[in-house]
C-alpha cells in the first residue's frame, strides 16, 4: 500500500471518529473534515518518518482526540456551549426614573424663566445658537459688523443667564449642603 492510499484511508477513519464525537453539533460534518485535515497536517509535519498504518492509526486518533478536547475547551471558554435565550436577557431601560424626570423638568423651567428675563438680543442669540448656526452665520443674520462683537455679546449673555439662574448651572444653591 502506498503512502497516499494509507493517508486517504486514514483520513476517512479520522473523519468518522471526529464525526462520531461531534454528533449533534452544528456544522459537525464540516468540523470533522477540518479536524481530519489538521491531524494529517500534524502527521506530515511532525511524524513524516512514520509510514505503516499500525503506527499512524493510533497516533492520528490520539491527535484527533486532543484536538477535540482543545476545541471543546475553547468553546466552553467562549460560552458557545451555553446558549442564551434572548427573552431572558434584561435590557437596560432608557427611560428616566421619576426623580431624573422631575429634576430635568425643574431645570428646564428654571432655564425658561431665566431666559425670559434676558434682553431681546440675548434671546435671539441663544435661539440661533440652539438652531445650530455658527457664529459667522449668526453674524450675517443679525448684521453685526465684527465677529468679535458677537463673541462679546455671547460672553455677556452667558454671564447674565448665569446670574439669573442663581450663579450655578446645576441648580439653585438653596437647600444644598
Protein backbone atom coordinates (compact mmCIF):
# COMPACT_ATOMS: atom_id res chain seq x y z
CA UNK A 1 0.00 0.00 0.00
CA UNK A 2 1.37 3.40 -0.94
CA UNK A 3 1.60 6.31 1.48
CA UNK A 4 -1.05 8.39 -0.37
CA UNK A 5 -3.51 5.48 -0.17
CA UNK A 6 -2.72 4.98 3.52
CA UNK A 7 -3.32 8.70 4.20
CA UNK A 8 -6.62 8.65 2.25
CA UNK A 9 -7.90 5.70 4.31
CA UNK A 10 -6.56 7.28 7.48
CA UNK A 11 -8.39 10.49 6.63
CA UNK A 12 -11.68 8.60 6.25
CA UNK A 13 -11.13 6.93 9.62
CA UNK A 14 -10.32 10.25 11.34
CA UNK A 15 -13.42 11.90 9.80
CA UNK A 16 -15.64 9.06 11.08
CA UNK A 17 -14.03 9.25 14.53
CA UNK A 18 -14.42 13.04 14.73
CA UNK A 19 -17.98 12.95 13.34
CA UNK A 20 -19.00 10.42 15.99
CA UNK A 21 -17.72 12.76 18.71
CA UNK A 22 -19.21 15.88 17.11
CA UNK A 23 -22.61 14.30 16.57
CA UNK A 24 -25.37 16.83 17.24
CA UNK A 25 -23.01 19.80 16.99
CA UNK A 26 -23.99 22.44 14.46
CA UNK A 27 -21.73 22.02 11.44
CA UNK A 28 -20.36 18.75 12.81
CA UNK A 29 -19.58 17.25 9.40
CA UNK A 30 -17.57 20.28 8.31
CA UNK A 31 -15.78 20.38 11.66
CA UNK A 32 -14.88 16.70 11.30
CA UNK A 33 -13.40 17.37 7.85
CA UNK A 34 -11.40 20.32 9.21
CA UNK A 35 -10.17 18.28 12.15
CA UNK A 36 -9.04 15.44 9.88
CA UNK A 37 -7.11 17.92 7.77
CA UNK A 38 -5.42 19.36 10.86
CA UNK A 39 -4.47 15.87 12.08
CA UNK A 40 -2.98 14.95 8.71
CA UNK A 41 -1.03 18.19 8.72
CA UNK A 42 0.43 17.39 12.15
CA UNK A 43 1.29 13.87 10.99
CA UNK A 44 3.05 15.25 7.91
CA UNK A 45 4.99 17.96 9.79
CA UNK A 46 5.98 16.09 12.96
CA UNK A 47 5.80 12.41 12.09
CA UNK A 48 6.83 12.29 8.44
CA UNK A 49 9.09 9.32 9.05
CA UNK A 50 6.14 7.04 10.02
CA UNK A 51 4.73 5.08 7.08
CA UNK A 52 2.99 1.99 8.49
CA UNK A 53 -0.75 2.01 9.20
CA UNK A 54 -0.10 0.30 12.54
CA UNK A 55 1.96 3.31 13.62
CA UNK A 56 -0.14 6.07 12.05
CA UNK A 57 -3.66 4.99 13.11
CA UNK A 58 -3.28 5.12 16.92
CA UNK A 59 -1.21 8.29 16.70
CA UNK A 60 -3.73 10.04 14.42
CA UNK A 61 -6.68 9.08 16.66
CA UNK A 62 -4.81 10.39 19.72
CA UNK A 63 -4.07 13.68 17.95
CA UNK A 64 -7.73 13.90 16.90
CA UNK A 65 -8.84 13.25 20.49
CA UNK A 66 -6.58 16.02 21.81
CA UNK A 67 -7.78 18.44 19.13
CA UNK A 68 -11.41 17.64 20.00
CA UNK A 69 -10.72 18.35 23.68
CA UNK A 70 -8.99 21.59 22.75
CA UNK A 71 -11.97 22.65 20.62
CA UNK A 72 -14.39 21.85 23.46
CA UNK A 73 -12.33 23.83 25.99
CA UNK A 74 -12.17 26.77 23.61
CA UNK A 75 -15.91 26.59 23.00
CA UNK A 76 -16.56 26.41 26.74
CA UNK A 77 -14.32 29.42 27.45
CA UNK A 78 -16.19 31.44 24.85
CA UNK A 79 -19.56 30.31 26.23
CA UNK A 80 -20.58 28.76 22.92
CA UNK A 81 -21.79 25.65 24.72
CA UNK A 82 -24.26 27.67 26.81
CA UNK A 83 -26.79 29.33 24.51
CA UNK A 84 -28.67 32.24 26.00
CA UNK A 85 -32.37 32.77 25.46
CA UNK A 86 -32.76 36.37 24.32
CA UNK A 87 -36.07 36.65 26.15
CA UNK A 88 -34.22 36.14 29.45
CA UNK A 89 -31.69 38.94 28.86
CA UNK A 90 -32.58 42.07 30.81
CA UNK A 91 -32.01 45.09 28.62
CA UNK A 92 -31.30 48.43 30.28
CA UNK A 93 -34.18 50.84 30.34
CA UNK A 94 -33.62 54.11 28.54
CA UNK A 95 -36.46 55.77 30.36
CA UNK A 96 -35.64 58.21 33.11
CA UNK A 97 -36.71 57.37 36.59
CA UNK A 98 -39.23 59.77 38.19
CA UNK A 99 -36.51 61.60 40.14
CA UNK A 100 -34.48 62.29 36.95
CA UNK A 101 -37.60 63.40 35.07
CA UNK A 102 -38.56 65.81 37.85
CA UNK A 103 -35.03 67.21 38.09
CA UNK A 104 -34.88 67.71 34.30
CA UNK A 105 -38.29 69.42 34.25
CA UNK A 106 -37.26 71.72 37.09
CA UNK A 107 -34.04 72.63 35.27
CA UNK A 108 -35.95 73.38 32.07
CA UNK A 109 -38.44 75.55 34.00
CA UNK A 110 -35.57 77.47 35.67
CA UNK A 111 -33.86 77.97 32.32
CA UNK A 112 -37.06 79.19 30.64
CA UNK A 113 -37.72 81.65 33.46
CA UNK A 114 -34.15 82.96 33.32
CA UNK A 115 -34.25 83.31 29.52
CA UNK A 116 -37.49 85.27 29.74
CA UNK A 117 -35.72 87.85 31.94
CA UNK A 118 -32.93 88.43 29.39
CA UNK A 119 -33.00 91.12 26.73
CA UNK A 120 -34.17 90.58 23.16
CA UNK A 121 -30.63 90.44 21.72
CA UNK A 122 -29.58 87.65 24.14
CA UNK A 123 -32.74 85.62 23.49
CA UNK A 124 -32.22 85.93 19.72
CA UNK A 125 -28.56 84.93 20.06
CA UNK A 126 -29.50 81.83 22.10
CA UNK A 127 -32.27 80.90 19.68
CA UNK A 128 -29.87 80.99 16.71
CA UNK A 129 -27.21 79.04 18.62
CA UNK A 130 -29.76 76.38 19.59
CA UNK A 131 -30.81 76.09 15.94
CA UNK A 132 -27.21 75.09 15.22
CA UNK A 133 -25.95 78.21 13.48
CA UNK A 134 -22.26 79.05 13.65
CA UNK A 135 -21.05 82.44 14.89
CA UNK A 136 -20.31 83.58 11.33
CA UNK A 137 -23.87 82.65 10.26
CA UNK A 138 -25.31 84.47 13.26
CA UNK A 139 -23.15 87.49 12.41
CA UNK A 140 -24.65 87.60 8.92
CA UNK A 141 -28.23 87.09 10.17
CA UNK A 142 -28.26 89.82 12.81
CA UNK A 143 -25.95 92.06 10.76
CA UNK A 144 -23.10 92.62 13.20
CA UNK A 145 -20.01 94.32 11.68
CA UNK A 146 -17.33 92.39 13.61
CA UNK A 147 -17.46 88.83 14.84
CA UNK A 148 -15.55 89.90 17.97
CA UNK A 149 -18.58 91.99 18.90
CA UNK A 150 -20.73 88.87 18.64
CA UNK A 151 -18.29 86.97 20.87
CA UNK A 152 -18.52 89.77 23.44
CA UNK A 153 -22.33 89.69 23.32
CA UNK A 154 -22.28 85.93 23.75
CA UNK A 155 -19.99 86.21 26.79
CA UNK A 156 -22.17 88.90 28.38
CA UNK A 157 -25.38 86.98 27.66
CA UNK A 158 -23.97 83.82 29.26
CA UNK A 159 -22.89 85.84 32.28
CA UNK A 160 -26.38 87.38 32.62
CA UNK A 161 -28.03 83.99 32.22
CA UNK A 162 -25.82 82.52 34.93
CA UNK A 163 -26.77 85.37 37.26
CA UNK A 164 -30.48 84.82 36.54
CA UNK A 165 -30.02 81.12 37.34
CA UNK A 166 -28.66 81.99 40.77
CA UNK A 167 -24.95 81.67 39.99
CA UNK A 168 -24.98 77.95 39.19
CA UNK A 169 -25.68 75.98 36.02
CA UNK A 170 -26.57 72.88 38.06
CA UNK A 171 -29.45 74.19 40.12
CA UNK A 172 -30.26 76.60 42.88
CA UNK A 173 -27.86 76.69 45.80
CA UNK A 174 -30.76 76.78 48.22
CA UNK A 175 -31.12 73.61 50.24
CA UNK A 176 -27.72 72.24 49.21
CA UNK A 177 -25.16 71.13 51.76
